[in-house]
Amino acid sequence: MKKVMSLTLAAAAALTLSACGGSGGDYYDDGYYAPAIDMYYIDDEFGDGVEGIEYHCISGEQGFTDIDGGFYFDTYSDTCTFEELDWVGFDLYVDYASGNGVPFVKYECGPPPVVVGETGSDGFFFDSYSYDEYCTLYL
């Protein structure tokens, strides 16, 4: 009997402990997942935020970059496309709030020929001399 009780308690403890840790997001009361949202910034070569760039992310985040160049995204593997970049007359960088570049972000810019790359330590992803109308960042 003691063995059965011990096994029951061990199973209950394992189930209880397996719920710890989490993935960073939360679930709403209706069972839908609420993503962990964060913000990066689109800056020019002088570190100034670029306001008004339209973006759409597969997580559902969308809008225009704010006065500081900020945009929202899901921290768990989001993909955001920045539209109509042909009006931008300077190079673009993706940065943390600290102003440091976000490295290792894969990107593609187009239309064809499509430019594919990965941001370096400075966060560079868009060349103002190109004819790119969009850039997609794989965050």
N, C-alpha and C. Protein backbone atom coordinates (compact mmCIF):
# COMPACT_ATOMS: atom_id res chain seq x y z
N MET A 1 0.82 -1.19 0.00
CA MET A 1 0.00 0.00 0.00
C MET A 1 0.87 1.26 0.00
N LYS A 2 1.97 1.20 0.76
CA LYS A 2 2.86 2.36 0.81
C LYS A 2 3.49 2.61 -0.56
N LYS A 3 3.79 1.53 -1.29
CA LYS A 3 4.38 1.69 -2.62
C LYS A 3 3.40 2.36 -3.58
N VAL A 4 2.15 1.96 -3.52
CA VAL A 4 1.13 2.56 -4.39
C VAL A 4 0.97 4.04 -4.06
N MET A 5 0.95 4.37 -2.78
CA MET A 5 0.81 5.76 -2.36
C MET A 5 2.04 6.57 -2.79
N SER A 6 3.22 6.00 -2.67
CA SER A 6 4.45 6.69 -3.08
C SER A 6 4.45 6.94 -4.58
N LEU A 7 4.06 5.94 -5.35
CA LEU A 7 3.99 6.11 -6.80
C LEU A 7 2.95 7.16 -7.19
N THR A 8 1.84 7.19 -6.51
CA THR A 8 0.79 8.18 -6.78
C THR A 8 1.30 9.59 -6.49
N LEU A 9 1.97 9.76 -5.36
CA LEU A 9 2.53 11.06 -5.01
C LEU A 9 3.64 11.48 -5.99
N ALA A 10 4.47 10.54 -6.40
CA ALA A 10 5.53 10.84 -7.37
C ALA A 10 4.94 11.28 -8.70
N ALA A 11 3.89 10.60 -9.15
CA ALA A 11 3.24 10.97 -10.40
C ALA A 11 2.60 12.35 -10.30
N ALA A 12 1.96 12.63 -9.17
CA ALA A 12 1.35 13.95 -8.97
C ALA A 12 2.41 15.04 -8.95
N ALA A 13 3.54 14.79 -8.30
CA ALA A 13 4.63 15.77 -8.26
C ALA A 13 5.21 16.00 -9.64
N ALA A 14 5.36 14.94 -10.42
CA ALA A 14 5.90 15.08 -11.77
C ALA A 14 4.97 15.92 -12.64
N LEU A 15 3.67 15.70 -12.52
CA LEU A 15 2.72 16.50 -13.30
C LEU A 15 2.73 17.96 -12.86
N THR A 16 2.83 18.20 -11.58
CA THR A 16 2.86 19.57 -11.06
C THR A 16 4.11 20.29 -11.52
N LEU A 17 5.26 19.65 -11.42
CA LEU A 17 6.52 20.28 -11.78
C LEU A 17 6.67 20.48 -13.28
N SER A 18 6.02 19.63 -14.07
CA SER A 18 6.14 19.77 -15.53
C SER A 18 5.45 21.03 -16.03
N ALA A 19 4.59 21.63 -15.23
CA ALA A 19 3.92 22.86 -15.64
C ALA A 19 4.78 24.09 -15.36
N CYS A 20 5.90 23.94 -14.72
CA CYS A 20 6.77 25.07 -14.41
C CYS A 20 7.66 25.39 -15.60
N GLY A 21 8.14 26.59 -15.64
CA GLY A 21 9.11 26.96 -16.67
C GLY A 21 8.50 27.81 -17.74
N GLY A 22 7.48 27.34 -18.40
CA GLY A 22 6.78 28.13 -19.40
C GLY A 22 7.65 28.52 -20.58
N SER A 23 7.01 29.08 -21.60
CA SER A 23 7.73 29.48 -22.79
C SER A 23 7.84 30.99 -22.92
N GLY A 24 7.36 31.73 -21.94
CA GLY A 24 7.45 33.17 -21.99
C GLY A 24 6.14 33.82 -22.37
N GLY A 25 5.33 33.16 -23.16
CA GLY A 25 4.02 33.68 -23.51
C GLY A 25 3.01 33.17 -22.51
N ASP A 26 1.79 33.64 -22.61
CA ASP A 26 0.73 33.22 -21.71
C ASP A 26 -0.45 32.74 -22.53
N TYR A 27 -1.36 32.05 -21.89
CA TYR A 27 -2.59 31.65 -22.54
C TYR A 27 -3.73 32.48 -21.97
N TYR A 28 -4.61 32.94 -22.87
CA TYR A 28 -5.80 33.65 -22.43
C TYR A 28 -6.76 32.65 -21.80
N ASP A 29 -7.78 33.15 -21.09
CA ASP A 29 -8.77 32.28 -20.46
C ASP A 29 -9.49 31.39 -21.47
N ASP A 30 -9.63 31.86 -22.71
CA ASP A 30 -10.33 31.06 -23.71
C ASP A 30 -9.41 30.06 -24.41
N GLY A 31 -8.14 29.94 -23.96
CA GLY A 31 -7.23 28.94 -24.49
C GLY A 31 -6.33 29.40 -25.61
N TYR A 32 -6.51 30.61 -26.10
CA TYR A 32 -5.65 31.11 -27.17
C TYR A 32 -4.33 31.60 -26.60
N TYR A 33 -3.26 31.37 -27.36
CA TYR A 33 -1.91 31.74 -26.94
C TYR A 33 -1.67 33.23 -27.11
N ALA A 34 -1.13 33.86 -26.08
CA ALA A 34 -0.74 35.27 -26.15
C ALA A 34 0.77 35.32 -26.31
N PRO A 35 1.26 35.78 -27.45
CA PRO A 35 2.71 35.77 -27.70
C PRO A 35 3.47 36.73 -26.79
N ALA A 36 4.76 36.47 -26.65
CA ALA A 36 5.63 37.36 -25.90
C ALA A 36 6.09 38.45 -26.87
N ILE A 37 5.61 39.65 -26.69
CA ILE A 37 5.86 40.75 -27.62
C ILE A 37 7.05 41.57 -27.14
N ASP A 38 7.88 41.97 -28.09
CA ASP A 38 9.03 42.83 -27.80
C ASP A 38 9.09 43.91 -28.87
N MET A 39 10.05 44.82 -28.73
CA MET A 39 10.20 45.90 -29.69
C MET A 39 11.65 46.05 -30.10
N TYR A 40 11.87 46.18 -31.40
CA TYR A 40 13.15 46.57 -31.96
C TYR A 40 12.94 47.92 -32.65
N TYR A 41 14.03 48.49 -33.14
CA TYR A 41 13.97 49.82 -33.73
C TYR A 41 14.67 49.82 -35.09
N ILE A 42 14.08 50.55 -36.03
CA ILE A 42 14.68 50.75 -37.34
C ILE A 42 15.33 52.13 -37.31
N ASP A 43 16.66 52.15 -37.46
CA ASP A 43 17.43 53.39 -37.39
C ASP A 43 18.15 53.65 -38.70
N ASP A 44 18.55 54.92 -38.90
CA ASP A 44 19.39 55.26 -40.04
C ASP A 44 20.87 55.15 -39.64
N GLU A 45 21.76 55.52 -40.54
CA GLU A 45 23.20 55.38 -40.27
C GLU A 45 23.71 56.27 -39.14
N PHE A 46 22.88 57.25 -38.72
CA PHE A 46 23.28 58.14 -37.63
C PHE A 46 22.68 57.70 -36.29
N GLY A 47 21.91 56.61 -36.31
CA GLY A 47 21.29 56.11 -35.09
C GLY A 47 19.95 56.75 -34.78
N ASP A 48 19.43 57.55 -35.72
CA ASP A 48 18.12 58.17 -35.53
C ASP A 48 17.03 57.23 -35.99
N GLY A 49 15.94 57.13 -35.21
CA GLY A 49 14.82 56.28 -35.58
C GLY A 49 14.14 56.76 -36.84
N VAL A 50 13.65 55.82 -37.63
CA VAL A 50 12.96 56.15 -38.88
C VAL A 50 11.47 55.89 -38.66
N GLU A 51 10.71 56.96 -38.64
CA GLU A 51 9.28 56.89 -38.39
C GLU A 51 8.52 56.66 -39.68
N GLY A 52 7.40 55.93 -39.59
CA GLY A 52 6.46 55.83 -40.70
C GLY A 52 6.67 54.71 -41.68
N ILE A 53 7.51 53.73 -41.37
CA ILE A 53 7.68 52.58 -42.27
C ILE A 53 6.59 51.56 -41.94
N GLU A 54 5.82 51.20 -42.94
CA GLU A 54 4.74 50.23 -42.74
C GLU A 54 5.32 48.83 -42.59
N TYR A 55 4.78 48.06 -41.63
CA TYR A 55 5.25 46.69 -41.45
C TYR A 55 4.08 45.76 -41.12
N HIS A 56 4.28 44.48 -41.47
CA HIS A 56 3.31 43.42 -41.20
C HIS A 56 4.09 42.20 -40.76
N CYS A 57 3.69 41.60 -39.64
CA CYS A 57 4.36 40.40 -39.12
C CYS A 57 3.40 39.22 -39.16
N ILE A 58 3.95 38.01 -39.30
CA ILE A 58 3.08 36.84 -39.36
C ILE A 58 2.37 36.59 -38.03
N SER A 59 2.88 37.18 -36.94
CA SER A 59 2.24 37.04 -35.63
C SER A 59 0.96 37.87 -35.54
N GLY A 60 0.76 38.77 -36.51
CA GLY A 60 -0.39 39.66 -36.47
C GLY A 60 -0.03 41.09 -36.08
N GLU A 61 1.18 41.28 -35.58
CA GLU A 61 1.63 42.64 -35.28
C GLU A 61 1.77 43.39 -36.60
N GLN A 62 1.33 44.63 -36.61
CA GLN A 62 1.41 45.44 -37.82
C GLN A 62 1.24 46.90 -37.49
N GLY A 63 1.57 47.74 -38.44
CA GLY A 63 1.41 49.17 -38.23
C GLY A 63 2.52 49.92 -38.93
N PHE A 64 2.91 51.04 -38.32
CA PHE A 64 3.99 51.88 -38.83
C PHE A 64 5.00 52.08 -37.72
N THR A 65 6.27 52.14 -38.07
CA THR A 65 7.28 52.39 -37.05
C THR A 65 6.98 53.72 -36.37
N ASP A 66 7.21 53.77 -35.06
CA ASP A 66 6.89 54.98 -34.29
C ASP A 66 7.97 56.04 -34.46
N ILE A 67 7.86 57.12 -33.72
CA ILE A 67 8.78 58.25 -33.85
C ILE A 67 10.24 57.85 -33.60
N ASP A 68 10.45 56.79 -32.82
CA ASP A 68 11.80 56.30 -32.54
C ASP A 68 12.20 55.16 -33.48
N GLY A 69 11.33 54.83 -34.43
CA GLY A 69 11.59 53.72 -35.35
C GLY A 69 11.16 52.38 -34.79
N GLY A 70 10.45 52.38 -33.66
CA GLY A 70 10.06 51.14 -32.99
C GLY A 70 8.98 50.36 -33.71
N PHE A 71 9.09 49.04 -33.65
CA PHE A 71 8.06 48.14 -34.16
C PHE A 71 7.96 46.94 -33.24
N TYR A 72 6.75 46.39 -33.14
CA TYR A 72 6.49 45.24 -32.27
C TYR A 72 6.58 43.94 -33.05
N PHE A 73 7.01 42.89 -32.36
CA PHE A 73 7.08 41.55 -32.96
C PHE A 73 7.01 40.51 -31.85
N ASP A 74 6.68 39.28 -32.24
CA ASP A 74 6.64 38.15 -31.32
C ASP A 74 8.06 37.61 -31.17
N THR A 75 8.55 37.51 -29.95
CA THR A 75 9.93 37.10 -29.71
C THR A 75 10.18 35.63 -30.05
N TYR A 76 9.13 34.88 -30.32
CA TYR A 76 9.30 33.47 -30.65
C TYR A 76 9.13 33.25 -32.15
N SER A 77 10.17 33.60 -32.90
CA SER A 77 10.25 33.30 -34.32
C SER A 77 9.18 34.01 -35.15
N ASP A 78 9.24 35.32 -35.17
CA ASP A 78 8.34 36.11 -36.00
C ASP A 78 9.04 36.48 -37.31
N THR A 79 8.26 36.82 -38.30
CA THR A 79 8.76 37.31 -39.58
C THR A 79 8.02 38.59 -39.89
N CYS A 80 8.75 39.68 -40.08
CA CYS A 80 8.13 40.98 -40.33
C CYS A 80 8.61 41.54 -41.65
N THR A 81 7.67 42.02 -42.45
CA THR A 81 7.98 42.62 -43.74
C THR A 81 7.73 44.12 -43.67
N PHE A 82 8.72 44.88 -44.10
CA PHE A 82 8.66 46.33 -44.13
C PHE A 82 8.40 46.74 -45.58
N GLU A 83 7.31 47.47 -45.79
CA GLU A 83 6.79 47.75 -47.12
C GLU A 83 7.25 49.11 -47.65
N GLU A 84 7.22 49.23 -48.97
CA GLU A 84 7.40 50.49 -49.68
C GLU A 84 8.62 51.28 -49.19
N LEU A 85 9.77 50.67 -49.23
CA LEU A 85 11.00 51.30 -48.77
C LEU A 85 11.67 52.17 -49.83
N ASP A 86 11.06 52.26 -51.01
CA ASP A 86 11.70 53.02 -52.08
C ASP A 86 11.80 54.52 -51.78
N TRP A 87 11.08 55.03 -50.78
CA TRP A 87 11.17 56.44 -50.40
C TRP A 87 12.31 56.72 -49.43
N VAL A 88 12.86 55.67 -48.83
CA VAL A 88 13.91 55.83 -47.83
C VAL A 88 15.23 56.13 -48.54
N GLY A 89 15.86 57.24 -48.20
CA GLY A 89 17.08 57.64 -48.87
C GLY A 89 18.34 57.38 -48.09
N PHE A 90 18.32 56.44 -47.16
CA PHE A 90 19.51 56.13 -46.36
C PHE A 90 19.48 54.67 -45.95
N ASP A 91 20.63 54.15 -45.54
CA ASP A 91 20.74 52.76 -45.10
C ASP A 91 19.92 52.57 -43.83
N LEU A 92 19.43 51.34 -43.63
CA LEU A 92 18.63 51.03 -42.45
C LEU A 92 19.30 49.94 -41.62
N TYR A 93 19.07 50.03 -40.31
CA TYR A 93 19.64 49.11 -39.34
C TYR A 93 18.54 48.70 -38.37
N VAL A 94 18.59 47.47 -37.88
CA VAL A 94 17.68 47.04 -36.83
C VAL A 94 18.49 47.03 -35.53
N ASP A 95 17.95 47.75 -34.52
CA ASP A 95 18.68 47.98 -33.27
C ASP A 95 17.84 47.61 -32.05
N TYR A 96 18.56 47.33 -30.96
CA TYR A 96 17.94 47.22 -29.64
C TYR A 96 17.64 48.63 -29.13
N ALA A 97 16.90 48.73 -28.03
CA ALA A 97 16.60 50.02 -27.42
C ALA A 97 17.87 50.77 -27.03
N SER A 98 18.93 50.04 -26.74
CA SER A 98 20.21 50.64 -26.35
C SER A 98 20.90 51.34 -27.52
N GLY A 99 20.45 51.07 -28.75
CA GLY A 99 21.09 51.63 -29.93
C GLY A 99 22.09 50.68 -30.57
N ASN A 100 22.40 49.58 -29.89
CA ASN A 100 23.29 48.58 -30.47
C ASN A 100 22.56 47.77 -31.53
N GLY A 101 23.26 47.40 -32.59
CA GLY A 101 22.66 46.62 -33.66
C GLY A 101 22.29 45.22 -33.21
N VAL A 102 21.24 44.68 -33.81
CA VAL A 102 20.81 43.31 -33.55
C VAL A 102 21.50 42.41 -34.57
N PRO A 103 22.45 41.59 -34.14
CA PRO A 103 23.17 40.73 -35.08
C PRO A 103 22.41 39.44 -35.41
N PHE A 104 22.83 38.80 -36.49
CA PHE A 104 22.36 37.47 -36.89
C PHE A 104 20.88 37.40 -37.26
N VAL A 105 20.31 38.50 -37.72
CA VAL A 105 18.93 38.49 -38.20
C VAL A 105 18.97 38.25 -39.70
N LYS A 106 18.37 37.17 -40.13
CA LYS A 106 18.32 36.89 -41.57
C LYS A 106 17.30 37.83 -42.21
N TYR A 107 17.61 38.26 -43.43
CA TYR A 107 16.70 39.16 -44.14
C TYR A 107 16.73 38.87 -45.63
N GLU A 108 15.69 39.36 -46.31
CA GLU A 108 15.67 39.36 -47.77
C GLU A 108 14.96 40.64 -48.19
N CYS A 109 15.51 41.26 -49.21
CA CYS A 109 14.95 42.50 -49.73
C CYS A 109 14.74 42.34 -51.23
N GLY A 110 13.70 42.95 -51.75
CA GLY A 110 13.40 42.82 -53.17
C GLY A 110 12.57 43.97 -53.65
N PRO A 111 12.12 43.99 -54.85
CA PRO A 111 11.84 42.86 -55.73
C PRO A 111 13.10 42.34 -56.42
N PRO A 112 12.91 41.29 -57.25
CA PRO A 112 14.08 40.70 -57.91
C PRO A 112 14.93 41.75 -58.62
N PRO A 113 16.23 41.59 -58.53
CA PRO A 113 16.90 40.46 -57.87
C PRO A 113 16.83 40.60 -56.35
N VAL A 114 16.44 39.53 -55.69
CA VAL A 114 16.29 39.52 -54.24
C VAL A 114 17.67 39.48 -53.59
N VAL A 115 17.85 40.34 -52.60
CA VAL A 115 19.09 40.38 -51.83
C VAL A 115 18.84 39.64 -50.52
N VAL A 116 19.66 38.65 -50.23
CA VAL A 116 19.52 37.84 -49.02
C VAL A 116 20.78 38.01 -48.20
N GLY A 117 20.61 38.12 -46.89
CA GLY A 117 21.78 38.27 -46.03
C GLY A 117 21.43 38.08 -44.57
N GLU A 118 22.37 38.49 -43.75
CA GLU A 118 22.22 38.40 -42.30
C GLU A 118 22.87 39.64 -41.70
N THR A 119 22.19 40.25 -40.73
CA THR A 119 22.73 41.46 -40.12
C THR A 119 24.02 41.15 -39.37
N GLY A 120 24.94 42.09 -39.42
CA GLY A 120 26.17 41.98 -38.65
C GLY A 120 25.99 42.60 -37.28
N SER A 121 27.07 42.92 -36.61
CA SER A 121 26.99 43.49 -35.27
C SER A 121 26.36 44.87 -35.26
N ASP A 122 26.34 45.54 -36.43
CA ASP A 122 25.73 46.88 -36.50
C ASP A 122 24.24 46.83 -36.85
N GLY A 123 23.71 45.66 -37.21
CA GLY A 123 22.29 45.51 -37.52
C GLY A 123 21.89 45.92 -38.92
N PHE A 124 22.86 46.19 -39.81
CA PHE A 124 22.56 46.65 -41.18
C PHE A 124 21.76 45.62 -41.96
N PHE A 125 20.69 46.13 -42.68
CA PHE A 125 19.94 45.23 -43.56
C PHE A 125 19.45 45.88 -44.85
N PHE A 126 19.46 47.19 -44.98
CA PHE A 126 18.90 47.83 -46.17
C PHE A 126 19.88 48.85 -46.73
N ASP A 127 20.20 48.70 -48.01
CA ASP A 127 21.12 49.59 -48.70
C ASP A 127 20.32 50.64 -49.47
N SER A 128 20.53 51.91 -49.14
CA SER A 128 19.75 52.98 -49.75
C SER A 128 19.99 53.11 -51.25
N TYR A 129 21.04 52.52 -51.78
CA TYR A 129 21.33 52.61 -53.21
C TYR A 129 20.63 51.52 -54.02
N SER A 130 19.93 50.64 -53.34
CA SER A 130 19.24 49.56 -54.05
C SER A 130 17.84 50.03 -54.45
N TYR A 131 17.17 49.22 -55.24
CA TYR A 131 15.81 49.53 -55.67
C TYR A 131 14.79 48.71 -54.88
N ASP A 132 15.15 48.32 -53.68
CA ASP A 132 14.28 47.46 -52.88
C ASP A 132 13.03 48.20 -52.44
N GLU A 133 11.91 47.54 -52.61
CA GLU A 133 10.64 48.09 -52.16
C GLU A 133 10.18 47.46 -50.86
N TYR A 134 10.74 46.33 -50.52
CA TYR A 134 10.38 45.68 -49.26
C TYR A 134 11.60 44.97 -48.70
N CYS A 135 11.60 44.77 -47.41
CA CYS A 135 12.58 43.90 -46.74
C CYS A 135 11.85 43.08 -45.71
N THR A 136 12.17 41.81 -45.66
CA THR A 136 11.59 40.90 -44.68
C THR A 136 12.68 40.51 -43.70
N LEU A 137 12.39 40.68 -42.41
CA LEU A 137 13.31 40.29 -41.34
C LEU A 137 12.77 39.03 -40.68
N TYR A 138 13.63 38.01 -40.56
CA TYR A 138 13.25 36.75 -39.91
C TYR A 138 13.78 36.80 -38.48
N LEU A 139 12.93 37.25 -37.58
CA LEU A 139 13.33 37.52 -36.19
C LEU A 139 13.22 36.28 -35.31
